[in-house]
C-alpha atoms as a PDB file:
ATOM      1  CA  MET A   1     138.299 110.626  94.651  1.00  0.00           C
ATOM      2  CA  HIS A   2     139.112 114.261  94.898  1.00  0.00           C
ATOM      3  CA  LEU A   3     142.809 113.496  94.718  1.00  0.00           C
ATOM      4  CA  ASP A   4     142.266 111.312  91.683  1.00  0.00           C
ATOM      5  CA  ALA A   5     140.234 114.006  89.986  1.00  0.00           C
ATOM      6  CA  GLY A   6     142.912 116.572  90.749  1.00  0.00           C
ATOM      7  CA  ARG A   7     145.616 114.242  89.520  1.00  0.00           C
ATOM      8  CA  ARG A   8     143.836 113.850  86.204  1.00  0.00           C
ATOM      9  CA  LEU A   9     143.637 117.634  85.857  1.00  0.00           C
ATOM     10  CA  VAL A  10     147.351 118.011  86.532  1.00  0.00           C
ATOM     11  CA  LEU A  11     148.175 115.449  83.894  1.00  0.00           C
ATOM     12  CA  ALA A  12     145.856 117.110  81.421  1.00  0.00           C
ATOM     13  CA  ASP A  13     147.552 120.482  81.951  1.00  0.00           C
ATOM     14  CA  ARG A  14     151.116 119.163  81.765  1.00  0.00           C
ATOM     15  CA  PRO A  15     152.890 120.726  78.722  1.00  0.00           C
ATOM     16  CA  LEU A  16     153.994 118.259  76.088  1.00  0.00           C
ATOM     17  CA  LYS A  17     157.440 118.457  74.533  1.00  0.00           C
ATOM     18  CA  PRO A  18     157.324 118.932  70.737  1.00  0.00           C
ATOM     19  CA  ARG A  19     158.288 115.764  68.919  1.00  0.00           C
ATOM     20  CA  ARG A  20     158.817 115.025  65.225  1.00  0.00           C
ATOM     21  CA  LEU A  21     156.601 112.076  64.314  1.00  0.00           C
ATOM     22  CA  THR A  22     155.822 110.461  60.999  1.00  0.00           C
ATOM     23  CA  LEU A  23     152.185 109.835  60.221  1.00  0.00           C
ATOM     24  CA  GLY A  24     152.725 106.114  60.568  1.00  0.00           C
ATOM     25  CA  ALA A  25     154.307 106.455  64.001  1.00  0.00           C
ATOM     26  CA  LEU A  26     151.509 108.750  65.091  1.00  0.00           C
ATOM     27  CA  ALA A  27     148.878 106.284  63.938  1.00  0.00           C
ATOM     28  CA  LEU A  28     150.548 103.415  65.767  1.00  0.00           C
ATOM     29  CA  GLY A  29     150.870 105.558  68.881  1.00  0.00           C
ATOM     30  CA  VAL A  30     147.166 106.432  68.856  1.00  0.00           C
ATOM     31  CA  LEU A  31     146.239 102.774  68.358  1.00  0.00           C
ATOM     32  CA  ALA A  32     148.585 101.588  71.123  1.00  0.00           C
ATOM     33  CA  ALA A  33     147.231 104.185  73.547  1.00  0.00           C
ATOM     34  CA  ALA A  34     143.669 103.060  72.849  1.00  0.00           C
ATOM     35  CA  LEU A  35     144.550  99.396  73.355  1.00  0.00           C
ATOM     36  CA  LEU A  36     146.529  99.958  76.566  1.00  0.00           C
ATOM     37  CA  ALA A  37     144.293 102.576  78.180  1.00  0.00           C
ATOM     38  CA  PRO A  38     142.206 101.384  81.149  1.00  0.00           C
ATOM     39  CA  ARG A  39     138.503 101.057  80.567  1.00  0.00           C
ATOM     40  CA  PRO A  40     136.954 104.454  81.358  1.00  0.00           C
ATOM     41  CA  ALA A  41     134.311 105.012  83.986  1.00  0.00           C
ATOM     42  CA  PHE A  42     130.597 104.701  83.459  1.00  0.00           C
ATOM     43  CA  ALA A  43     130.570 101.444  81.456  1.00  0.00           C
ATOM     44  CA  VAL A  44     128.692 100.144  84.520  1.00  0.00           C
ATOM     45  CA  GLN A  45     125.519 101.881  85.667  1.00  0.00           C
ATOM     46  CA  SER A  46     124.932 102.005  89.434  1.00  0.00           C
ATOM     47  CA  ALA A  47     122.170 103.513  91.586  1.00  0.00           C
ATOM     48  CA  GLU A  48     121.446 105.789  94.547  1.00  0.00           C
ATOM     49  CA  LEU A  49     118.182 106.580  96.357  1.00  0.00           C
ATOM     50  CA  PHE A  50     118.110 109.260  99.051  1.00  0.00           C
ATOM     51  CA  ARG A  51     115.838 111.264 101.299  1.00  0.00           C
ATOM     52  CA  THR A  52     115.835 114.961 100.419  1.00  0.00           C
ATOM     53  CA  GLN A  53     115.285 116.067 104.032  1.00  0.00           C
ATOM     54  CA  ALA A  54     117.927 116.002 106.767  1.00  0.00           C
ATOM     55  CA  TYR A  55     117.207 115.127 110.406  1.00  0.00           C
ATOM     56  CA  PHE A  56     118.993 115.677 113.700  1.00  0.00           C
ATOM     57  CA  TYR A  57     119.020 113.266 116.663  1.00  0.00           C
ATOM     58  CA  GLY A  58     116.971 110.145 116.166  1.00  0.00           C
ATOM     59  CA  ARG A  59     116.725 106.556 114.961  1.00  0.00           C
ATOM     60  CA  PHE A  60     117.174 105.929 111.243  1.00  0.00           C
ATOM     61  CA  GLU A  61     115.953 102.472 110.176  1.00  0.00           C
ATOM     62  CA  ALA A  62     115.557 100.456 106.995  1.00  0.00           C
ATOM     63  CA  ARG A  63     114.734  96.910 105.985  1.00  0.00           C
ATOM     64  CA  VAL A  64     117.390  95.978 103.406  1.00  0.00           C
ATOM     65  CA  ARG A  65     118.632  93.024 101.373  1.00  0.00           C
ATOM     66  CA  PHE A  66     122.106  93.976 100.132  1.00  0.00           C
ATOM     67  CA  ALA A  67     123.418  93.257  96.624  1.00  0.00           C
ATOM     68  CA  PRO A  68     125.730  90.222  96.255  1.00  0.00           C
ATOM     69  CA  GLY A  69     128.989  89.858  94.361  1.00  0.00           C
ATOM     70  CA  GLU A  70     132.694  90.588  94.406  1.00  0.00           C
ATOM     71  CA  GLY A  71     133.382  94.216  93.554  1.00  0.00           C
ATOM     72  CA  VAL A  72     129.832  95.214  94.516  1.00  0.00           C
ATOM     73  CA  VAL A  73     129.509  97.748  97.352  1.00  0.00           C
ATOM     74  CA  SER A  74     125.953  97.932  98.669  1.00  0.00           C
ATOM     75  CA  SER A  75     125.084 100.500 101.345  1.00  0.00           C
ATOM     76  CA  PHE A  76     122.607 102.068 103.750  1.00  0.00           C
ATOM     77  CA  PHE A  77     124.091 105.274 105.167  1.00  0.00           C
ATOM     78  CA  LEU A  78     123.520 108.725 106.614  1.00  0.00           C
ATOM     79  CA  TRP A  79     125.195 111.629 104.843  1.00  0.00           C
ATOM     80  CA  LYS A  80     125.655 115.319 105.575  1.00  0.00           C
ATOM     81  CA  ASP A  81     125.122 117.266 102.372  1.00  0.00           C
ATOM     82  CA  GLY A  82     128.276 119.071 101.295  1.00  0.00           C
ATOM     83  CA  SER A  83     130.656 116.697 103.062  1.00  0.00           C
ATOM     84  CA  SER A  84     134.104 116.512 101.518  1.00  0.00           C
ATOM     85  CA  SER A  85     137.697 115.851 102.492  1.00  0.00           C
ATOM     86  CA  THR A  86     138.460 119.574 102.156  1.00  0.00           C
ATOM     87  CA  THR A  87     135.704 120.836 104.474  1.00  0.00           C
ATOM     88  CA  SER A  88     134.092 118.466 106.967  1.00  0.00           C
ATOM     89  CA  TRP A  89     132.815 114.950 106.424  1.00  0.00           C
ATOM     90  CA  ASN A  90     129.943 113.447 108.411  1.00  0.00           C
ATOM     91  CA  GLU A  91     128.693 109.975 107.604  1.00  0.00           C
ATOM     92  CA  LEU A  92     127.424 106.773 109.228  1.00  0.00           C
ATOM     93  CA  ASP A  93     127.409 103.504 107.269  1.00  0.00           C
ATOM     94  CA  PHE A  94     126.286  99.974 106.899  1.00  0.00           C
ATOM     95  CA  GLU A  95     128.213  98.645 103.885  1.00  0.00           C
ATOM     96  CA  LYS A  96     128.249  95.215 102.326  1.00  0.00           C
ATOM     97  CA  THR A  97     131.584  94.382 100.650  1.00  0.00           C
ATOM     98  CA  ASN A  98     133.120  91.462  98.736  1.00  0.00           C
ATOM     99  CA  ALA A  99     131.616  88.185  97.580  1.00  0.00           C
ATOM    100  CA  VAL A 100     131.390  86.839 101.148  1.00  0.00           C
ATOM    101  CA  CYS A 101     129.055  89.720 102.043  1.00  0.00           C
ATOM    102  CA  LYS A 102     131.096  91.288 104.842  1.00  0.00           C
ATOM    103  CA  LEU A 103     129.327  94.021 106.783  1.00  0.00           C
ATOM    104  CA  GLN A 104     131.308  97.178 107.525  1.00  0.00           C
ATOM    105  CA  THR A 105     130.192 100.009 109.798  1.00  0.00           C
ATOM    106  CA  ASN A 106     131.799 103.436 109.591  1.00  0.00           C
ATOM    107  CA  ILE A 107     131.676 106.783 111.337  1.00  0.00           C
ATOM    108  CA  TRP A 108     133.074 110.007 109.895  1.00  0.00           C
ATOM    109  CA  THR A 109     132.942 112.675 112.608  1.00  0.00           C
ATOM    110  CA  GLY A 110     133.557 115.742 110.460  1.00  0.00           C
ATOM    111  CA  LYS A 111     137.365 115.720 110.495  1.00  0.00           C
ATOM    112  CA  GLY A 112     137.858 113.777 107.261  1.00  0.00           C
ATOM    113  CA  THR A 113     138.963 110.510 108.880  1.00  0.00           C
ATOM    114  CA  GLN A 114     137.112 107.231 109.009  1.00  0.00           C
ATOM    115  CA  THR A 115     136.757 104.725 111.837  1.00  0.00           C
ATOM    116  CA  PRO A 116     135.603 101.417 110.341  1.00  0.00           C
ATOM    117  CA  GLN A 117     134.721  98.059 111.838  1.00  0.00           C
ATOM    118  CA  VAL A 118     134.346  94.996 109.620  1.00  0.00           C
ATOM    119  CA  LYS A 119     132.280  91.959 110.564  1.00  0.00           C
ATOM    120  CA  THR A 120     131.433  88.749 108.739  1.00  0.00           C
ATOM    121  CA  PRO A 121     127.897  88.076 109.982  1.00  0.00           C
ATOM    122  CA  SER A 122     126.670  84.575 110.676  1.00  0.00           C
ATOM    123  CA  PHE A 123     123.515  85.477 108.735  1.00  0.00           C
ATOM    124  CA  ASP A 124     123.402  86.257 105.014  1.00  0.00           C
ATOM    125  CA  VAL A 125     123.035  90.009 104.480  1.00  0.00           C
ATOM    126  CA  CYS A 126     122.728  89.382 100.715  1.00  0.00           C
ATOM    127  CA  GLY A 127     120.315  86.458 100.859  1.00  0.00           C
ATOM    128  CA  ASP A 128     117.567  87.900 103.039  1.00  0.00           C
ATOM    129  CA  TYR A 129     116.119  91.120 104.403  1.00  0.00           C
ATOM    130  CA  HIS A 130     117.317  92.424 107.761  1.00  0.00           C
ATOM    131  CA  THR A 131     116.474  95.554 109.727  1.00  0.00           C
ATOM    132  CA  TYR A 132     119.384  97.987 110.043  1.00  0.00           C
ATOM    133  CA  ALA A 133     119.284 101.020 112.329  1.00  0.00           C
ATOM    134  CA  PHE A 134     121.416 103.938 113.495  1.00  0.00           C
ATOM    135  CA  ASP A 135     120.747 105.622 116.839  1.00  0.00           C
ATOM    136  CA  TRP A 136     122.158 109.138 117.119  1.00  0.00           C
ATOM    137  CA  THR A 137     121.677 110.794 120.506  1.00  0.00           C
ATOM    138  CA  PRO A 138     123.587 113.396 122.552  1.00  0.00           C
ATOM    139  CA  ASP A 139     125.317 110.570 124.449  1.00  0.00           C
ATOM    140  CA  TYR A 140     125.992 107.823 121.926  1.00  0.00           C
ATOM    141  CA  ILE A 141     125.844 106.603 118.343  1.00  0.00           C
ATOM    142  CA  ALA A 142     124.907 102.942 117.891  1.00  0.00           C
ATOM    143  CA  TRP A 143     124.399 100.474 115.052  1.00  0.00           C
ATOM    144  CA  TYR A 144     121.756  97.709 115.233  1.00  0.00           C
ATOM    145  CA  VAL A 145     120.906  94.682 113.113  1.00  0.00           C
ATOM    146  CA  ASP A 146     117.479  93.147 113.759  1.00  0.00           C
ATOM    147  CA  GLY A 147     117.328  94.956 117.097  1.00  0.00           C
ATOM    148  CA  ALA A 148     120.690  93.722 118.368  1.00  0.00           C
ATOM    149  CA  GLN A 149     123.355  96.347 118.962  1.00  0.00           C
ATOM    150  CA  ILE A 150     126.551  95.510 117.062  1.00  0.00           C
ATOM    151  CA  ARG A 151     128.524  98.690 117.754  1.00  0.00           C
ATOM    152  CA  LYS A 152     128.391 101.748 119.997  1.00  0.00           C
ATOM    153  CA  VAL A 153     130.458 104.949 120.141  1.00  0.00           C
ATOM    154  CA  THR A 154     130.405 107.377 123.082  1.00  0.00           C
ATOM    155  CA  GLY A 155     132.466 110.282 124.367  1.00  0.00           C
ATOM    156  CA  PRO A 156     134.337 112.936 122.360  1.00  0.00           C
ATOM    157  CA  SER A 157     133.602 111.338 118.977  1.00  0.00           C
ATOM    158  CA  VAL A 158     129.867 111.814 119.496  1.00  0.00           C
ATOM    159  CA  ALA A 159     130.355 115.454 120.520  1.00  0.00           C
ATOM    160  CA  GLU A 160     132.567 116.079 117.485  1.00  0.00           C
ATOM    161  CA  TYR A 161     130.133 114.329 115.161  1.00  0.00           C
ATOM    162  CA  THR A 162     127.184 116.309 116.497  1.00  0.00           C
ATOM    163  CA  GLN A 163     129.007 119.637 116.281  1.00  0.00           C
ATOM    164  CA  ASN A 164     129.855 119.066 112.619  1.00  0.00           C
ATOM    165  CA  ALA A 165     126.429 117.648 111.720  1.00  0.00           C
ATOM    166  CA  SER A 166     124.291 120.402 113.184  1.00  0.00           C
ATOM    167  CA  GLN A 167     122.437 120.743 109.868  1.00  0.00           C
ATOM    168  CA  GLY A 168     121.252 117.141 110.184  1.00  0.00           C
ATOM    169  CA  MET A 169     121.785 113.922 108.252  1.00  0.00           C
ATOM    170  CA  ALA A 170     119.912 112.477 105.261  1.00  0.00           C
ATOM    171  CA  MET A 171     119.183 108.810 104.621  1.00  0.00           C
ATOM    172  CA  HIS A 172     120.822 107.240 101.541  1.00  0.00           C
ATOM    173  CA  PHE A 173     120.952 103.840  99.830  1.00  0.00           C
ATOM    174  CA  ASN A 174     123.291 102.948  96.987  1.00  0.00           C
ATOM    175  CA  VAL A 175     125.044 100.180  95.068  1.00  0.00           C
ATOM    176  CA  TRP A 176     128.288 100.827  93.184  1.00  0.00           C
ATOM    177  CA  VAL A 177     131.583  99.392  91.894  1.00  0.00           C
ATOM    178  CA  GLY A 178     134.418  98.850  94.378  1.00  0.00           C
ATOM    179  CA  ASP A 179     138.070  98.158  93.658  1.00  0.00           C
ATOM    180  CA  SER A 180     140.852  95.828  94.802  1.00  0.00           C
ATOM    181  CA  ASP A 181     141.338  97.858  97.995  1.00  0.00           C
ATOM    182  CA  PHE A 182     137.689  98.172  98.962  1.00  0.00           C
ATOM    183  CA  GLY A 183     134.856  95.887  97.964  1.00  0.00           C
ATOM    184  CA  GLY A 184     136.777  93.728  95.502  1.00  0.00           C
ATOM    185  CA  THR A 185     137.371  93.744  91.766  1.00  0.00           C
ATOM    186  CA  LEU A 186     134.167  93.509  89.768  1.00  0.00           C
ATOM    187  CA  ASP A 187     133.590  90.832  87.143  1.00  0.00           C
ATOM    188  CA  PRO A 188     131.036  92.555  84.840  1.00  0.00           C
ATOM    189  CA  SER A 189     129.712  89.162  83.726  1.00  0.00           C
ATOM    190  CA  THR A 190     128.037  88.827  87.149  1.00  0.00           C
ATOM    191  CA  LEU A 191     125.792  91.812  86.448  1.00  0.00           C
ATOM    192  CA  PRO A 192     123.021  92.716  86.902  1.00  0.00           C
ATOM    193  CA  VAL A 193     122.751  92.654  90.696  1.00  0.00           C
ATOM    194  CA  GLN A 194     120.170  94.343  92.926  1.00  0.00           C
ATOM    195  CA  GLN A 195     119.807  95.847  96.382  1.00  0.00           C
ATOM    196  CA  PHE A 196     116.260  95.683  97.760  1.00  0.00           C
ATOM    197  CA  VAL A 197     114.746  98.087 100.317  1.00  0.00           C
ATOM    198  CA  SER A 198     111.425  97.049 101.845  1.00  0.00           C
ATOM    199  CA  TRP A 199     110.829 100.134 104.003  1.00  0.00           C
ATOM    200  CA  ALA A 200     112.564 103.035 105.713  1.00  0.00           C
ATOM    201  CA  GLN A 201     111.574 105.171 108.677  1.00  0.00           C
ATOM    202  CA  TYR A 202     112.787 107.902 111.016  1.00  0.00           C
ATOM    203  CA  SER A 203     112.030 108.459 114.714  1.00  0.00           C
ATOM    204  CA  SER A 204     112.992 111.693 116.466  1.00  0.00           C
ATOM    205  CA  TYR A 205     114.751 111.670 119.839  1.00  0.00           C
ATOM    206  CA  ALA A 206     114.011 113.837 122.865  1.00  0.00           C
ATOM    207  CA  ASP A 207     114.066 113.353 126.644  1.00  0.00           C
ATOM    208  CA  GLY A 208     115.417 109.819 126.345  1.00  0.00           C
ATOM    209  CA  ALA A 209     112.675 108.547 124.026  1.00  0.00           C
ATOM    210  CA  PHE A 210     112.228 107.908 120.296  1.00  0.00           C
ATOM    211  CA  GLN A 211     109.058 108.993 118.508  1.00  0.00           C
ATOM    212  CA  LEU A 212     108.188 107.778 115.001  1.00  0.00           C
ATOM    213  CA  GLN A 213     107.907 110.710 112.565  1.00  0.00           C
ATOM    214  CA  TRP A 214     107.483 109.012 109.200  1.00  0.00           C
ATOM    215  CA  ARG A 215     107.653 105.643 107.465  1.00  0.00           C
ATOM    216  CA  GLU A 216     108.089 104.961 103.755  1.00  0.00           C
ATOM    217  CA  ASP A 217     106.825 101.612 102.431  1.00  0.00           C
ATOM    218  CA  PHE A 218     107.585 102.309  98.743  1.00  0.00           C
ATOM    219  CA  ASP A 219     104.076 101.260  97.737  1.00  0.00           C
ATOM    220  CA  GLY A 220     103.881 103.332  94.551  1.00  0.00           C
ATOM    221  CA  SER A 221     105.534 102.898  91.170  1.00  0.00           C
ATOM    222  CA  ALA A 222     107.171 106.351  91.119  1.00  0.00           C
ATOM    223  CA  VAL A 223     109.750 108.095  93.290  1.00  0.00           C
ATOM    224  CA  PRO A 224     107.954 108.903  96.583  1.00  0.00           C
ATOM    225  CA  ALA A 225     107.621 112.433  97.887  1.00  0.00           C
ATOM    226  CA  ASN A 226     110.711 113.702  99.742  1.00  0.00           C
ATOM    227  CA  TRP A 227     112.982 111.201  97.974  1.00  0.00           C
ATOM    228  CA  SER A 228     115.272 111.631  94.977  1.00  0.00           C
ATOM    229  CA  LEU A 229     117.708 109.686  92.765  1.00  0.00           C
ATOM    230  CA  GLY A 230     121.440 110.047  92.229  1.00  0.00           C
ATOM    231  CA  ASN A 231     122.891 110.957  88.817  1.00  0.00           C
ATOM    232  CA  TRP A 232     126.600 111.371  89.580  1.00  0.00           C
ATOM    233  CA  ALA A 233     129.772 109.285  89.602  1.00  0.00           C
ATOM    234  CA  SER A 234     130.201 106.689  92.338  1.00  0.00           C
ATOM    235  CA  PRO A 235     133.114 107.101  94.798  1.00  0.00           C
ATOM    236  CA  PHE A 236     135.861 105.503  92.672  1.00  0.00           C
ATOM    237  CA  SER A 237     134.419 106.743  89.357  1.00  0.00           C
ATOM    238  CA  LEU A 238     134.073 103.144  88.181  1.00  0.00           C
ATOM    239  CA  SER A 239     130.331 103.537  87.651  1.00  0.00           C
ATOM    240  CA  THR A 240     127.775 106.309  87.426  1.00  0.00           C
ATOM    241  CA  HIS A 241     124.473 106.432  89.269  1.00  0.00           C
ATOM    242  CA  ASN A 242     121.664 106.256  86.727  1.00  0.00           C
ATOM    243  CA  PRO A 243     118.130 107.197  87.859  1.00  0.00           C
ATOM    244  CA  ALA A 244     116.787 104.478  85.543  1.00  0.00           C
ATOM    245  CA  ASN A 245     118.406 101.922  87.852  1.00  0.00           C
ATOM    246  CA  VAL A 246     116.037 102.706  90.733  1.00  0.00           C
ATOM    247  CA  THR A 247     112.598 101.137  90.328  1.00  0.00           C
ATOM    248  CA  PHE A 248     109.622 100.637  92.637  1.00  0.00           C
ATOM    249  CA  THR A 249     107.599  97.460  92.357  1.00  0.00           C
ATOM    250  CA  ASP A 250     105.560  95.229  94.683  1.00  0.00           C
ATOM    251  CA  GLY A 251     106.276  97.515  97.638  1.00  0.00           C
ATOM    252  CA  ILE A 252     110.049  97.278  97.214  1.00  0.00           C
ATOM    253  CA  ALA A 253     112.598  99.902  96.140  1.00  0.00           C
ATOM    254  CA  VAL A 254     115.042  98.126  93.814  1.00  0.00           C
ATOM    255  CA  LEU A 255     118.528  99.551  93.224  1.00  0.00           C
ATOM    256  CA  SER A 256     120.254  97.843  90.293  1.00  0.00           C
ATOM    257  CA  MET A 257     123.816  97.746  89.043  1.00  0.00           C
ATOM    258  CA  THR A 258     123.937  96.926  85.344  1.00  0.00           C
ATOM    259  CA  SER A 259     126.282  96.696  82.382  1.00  0.00           C
ATOM    260  CA  ASP A 260     126.358  99.505  79.849  1.00  0.00           C
ATOM    261  CA  ASP A 261     122.851 100.607  78.836  1.00  0.00           C
ATOM    262  CA  ALA A 262     120.917  97.599  80.150  1.00  0.00           C
ATOM    263  CA  THR A 263     119.345  99.631  82.931  1.00  0.00           C
ATOM    264  CA  GLY A 264     116.430  99.018  85.244  1.00  0.00           C
ATOM    265  CA  PHE A 265     114.718  96.017  86.812  1.00  0.00           C
ATOM    266  CA  THR A 266     111.735  94.215  85.315  1.00  0.00           C
ATOM    267  CA  GLY A 267     111.508  91.078  87.457  1.00  0.00           C
ATOM    268  CA  THR A 268     109.718  90.345  90.700  1.00  0.00           C
ATOM    269  CA  PRO A 269     111.655  91.373  93.819  1.00  0.00           C
ATOM    270  CA  PRO A 270     112.007  88.822  96.617  1.00  0.00           C
ATOM    271  CA  ALA A 271     109.216  89.167  99.146  1.00  0.00           C
ATOM    272  CA  ASP A 272     110.015  90.396 102.635  1.00  0.00           C
ATOM    273  CA  SER A 273     108.169  87.992 104.910  1.00  0.00           C
ATOM    274  CA  ALA A 274     108.892  90.090 108.022  1.00  0.00           C
ATOM    275  CA  ALA A 275     108.218  93.497 106.505  1.00  0.00           C
ATOM    276  CA  ASP A 276     105.556  94.416 109.057  1.00  0.00           C
ATOM    277  CA  ALA A 277     106.958  92.552 112.031  1.00  0.00           C
ATOM    278  CA  GLY A 278     108.666  95.586 113.542  1.00  0.00           C
ATOM    279  CA  THR A 279     111.823  95.541 115.644  1.00  0.00           C
ATOM    280  CA  SER A 280     112.325  95.852 119.383  1.00  0.00           C
ATOM    281  CA  TYR A 281     115.501  97.531 120.648  1.00  0.00           C
ATOM    282  CA  GLY A 282     117.526  97.607 123.789  1.00  0.00           C
ATOM    283  CA  THR A 283     119.658  94.488 123.241  1.00  0.00           C
ATOM    284  CA  ASP A 284     123.197  95.655 123.931  1.00  0.00           C
ATOM    285  CA  ALA A 285     125.962  93.625 122.294  1.00  0.00           C
ATOM    286  CA  GLY A 286     128.391  94.718 125.026  1.00  0.00           C
ATOM    287  CA  SER A 287     130.736  97.603 125.597  1.00  0.00           C
ATOM    288  CA  PRO A 288     131.421 100.403 123.115  1.00  0.00           C
ATOM    289  CA  ASP A 289     134.195 100.105 120.539  1.00  0.00           C
ATOM    290  CA  ALA A 290     137.112  98.109 121.934  1.00  0.00           C
ATOM    291  CA  GLY A 291     139.896  99.864 123.803  1.00  0.00           C
ATOM    292  CA  SER A 292     138.121 103.120 124.599  1.00  0.00           C
ATOM    293  CA  PRO A 293     134.750 104.743 123.880  1.00  0.00           C
ATOM    294  CA  ASP A 294     136.112 106.107 120.590  1.00  0.00           C
ATOM    295  CA  ALA A 295     138.503 103.330 119.624  1.00  0.00           C
ATOM    296  CA  GLY A 296     137.064 101.185 116.838  1.00  0.00           C
ATOM    297  CA  ASN A 297     140.185 100.740 114.730  1.00  0.00           C
ATOM    298  CA  PRO A 298     142.234 103.696 116.047  1.00  0.00           C
ATOM    299  CA  GLY A 299     143.716 105.878 113.375  1.00  0.00           C
ATOM    300  CA  ALA A 300     142.179 103.814 110.608  1.00  0.00           C
ATOM    301  CA  THR A 301     141.520 105.647 107.426  1.00  0.00           C
ATOM    302  CA  GLY A 302     140.391 104.214 104.155  1.00  0.00           C
ATOM    303  CA  PRO A 303     138.505 104.675 100.966  1.00  0.00           C
ATOM    304  CA  SER A 304     135.278 106.532 100.974  1.00  0.00           C
ATOM    305  CA  SER A 305     132.370 104.511 102.147  1.00  0.00           C
ATOM    306  CA  GLY A 306     128.976 104.638 100.527  1.00  0.00           C
ATOM    307  CA  CYS A 307     129.129 108.369 100.163  1.00  0.00           C
ATOM    308  CA  SER A 308     127.362 110.348  97.476  1.00  0.00           C
ATOM    309  CA  CYS A 309     130.623 112.068  96.505  1.00  0.00           C
ATOM    310  CA  ARG A 310     130.358 113.473  93.017  1.00  0.00           C
ATOM    311  CA  ALA A 311     133.611 112.830  91.200  1.00  0.00           C
ATOM    312  CA  ALA A 312     134.229 114.016  87.676  1.00  0.00           C
ATOM    313  CA  GLY A 313     133.478 111.683  84.766  1.00  0.00           C
ATOM    314  CA  ASP A 314     136.034 110.137  82.483  1.00  0.00           C
ATOM    315  CA  GLY A 315     134.434 110.213  79.060  1.00  0.00           C
ATOM    316  CA  PRO A 316     132.993 107.587  76.687  1.00  0.00           C
ATOM    317  CA  ALA A 317     133.063 103.809  76.977  1.00  0.00           C
ATOM    318  CA  GLY A 318     136.229 101.924  76.090  1.00  0.00           C
ATOM    319  CA  SER A 319     134.787 100.349  72.976  1.00  0.00           C
ATOM    320  CA  ALA A 320     133.968 103.757  71.480  1.00  0.00           C
ATOM    321  CA  VAL A 321     137.514 104.997  72.141  1.00  0.00           C
ATOM    322  CA  LEU A 322     138.994 101.927  70.467  1.00  0.00           C
ATOM    323  CA  VAL A 323     136.787 102.264  67.393  1.00  0.00           C
ATOM    324  CA  ALA A 324     137.679 105.952  67.063  1.00  0.00           C
ATOM    325  CA  ALA A 325     141.384 105.188  67.383  1.00  0.00           C
ATOM    326  CA  LEU A 326     141.174 102.504  64.697  1.00  0.00           C
ATOM    327  CA  LEU A 327     139.401 104.880  62.342  1.00  0.00           C
ATOM    328  CA  VAL A 328     141.991 107.604  62.933  1.00  0.00           C
ATOM    329  CA  ALA A 329     144.828 105.157  62.407  1.00  0.00           C
ATOM    330  CA  ALA A 330     143.306 103.827  59.202  1.00  0.00           C
ATOM    331  CA  GLY A 331     142.810 107.342  57.841  1.00  0.00           C
ATOM    332  CA  LEU A 332     146.372 108.396  58.604  1.00  0.00           C
ATOM    333  CA  LEU A 333     147.810 105.271  56.996  1.00  0.00           C
ATOM    334  CA  ARG A 334     145.707 105.828  53.874  1.00  0.00           C
ATOM    335  CA  ARG A 335     146.982 109.413  53.670  1.00  0.00           C
ATOM    336  CA  ARG A 336     150.561 108.236  53.941  1.00  0.00           C
ATOM    337  CA  ARG A 337     150.110 105.707  51.118  1.00  0.00           C
ATOM    338  CA  ALA A 338     148.627 108.441  48.908  1.00  0.00           C
END
């Protein structure tokens, strides 16, 4: 993201060699550039909902039904405000990717590198609600689905993560456009899609025990207290988070991804039949990440996960650029005939 943004700036500042062009050649060049240029960002509207307060050790939980579709990245994650590849980057993720609804977990420990694990669950993370949780303690970081531990990290990675996240972590949810390397290539005709969040809660951790501090059931029709909405570019700048794409209805927070200006959600969200069932923990799926306490996929780096990175925008929609180019070309050709 940051590299892409910088690359665009370099290209914009590159001096152009003077060339002698006829008006007709100039018009054809403008038209060709408009036709061949990739579709700019922000033709698709995405969404992000986040807690405005950060928390230290504890259990971060949410009941989520992820958004389906190829090219749709749908996430529940913890984020340290100010994280970037040029300073320090702290993040924990559950991310749904691709049409088969893979589930990826990530940890960024503050050094700008990512350690992902990808699973294809036997259950449908896009077809039903499940309870997702992060445990962050002095001794381990663990990921749970419906109370069952699916991953655990111990040792130096936890110490490094904690050192770089001393200001605490905030809870985030988002849905955004992936690419061929991460999440798949989006077919806009599949939009709109939605991610549904039934509830979220945080429990503090001290002396080996978790204590519930707050729970949000999204019962109102407006943004709840201590929550806010994203309004920046998504990680690959292929969509922009639009506050209008986060709605609250029937006790569900709905995050939509939509085409162009068709924002929001007006239907009835799927009911969460187990919303109040609660989750019991302590089921360990086995040893920590394979190979060593900090292994995961050693040395693996990759695209940003569900981060709230704010990349620069790319201008108007492709259709507007094409229309403008056609008008310019037509005007130049008329001048030449005169």
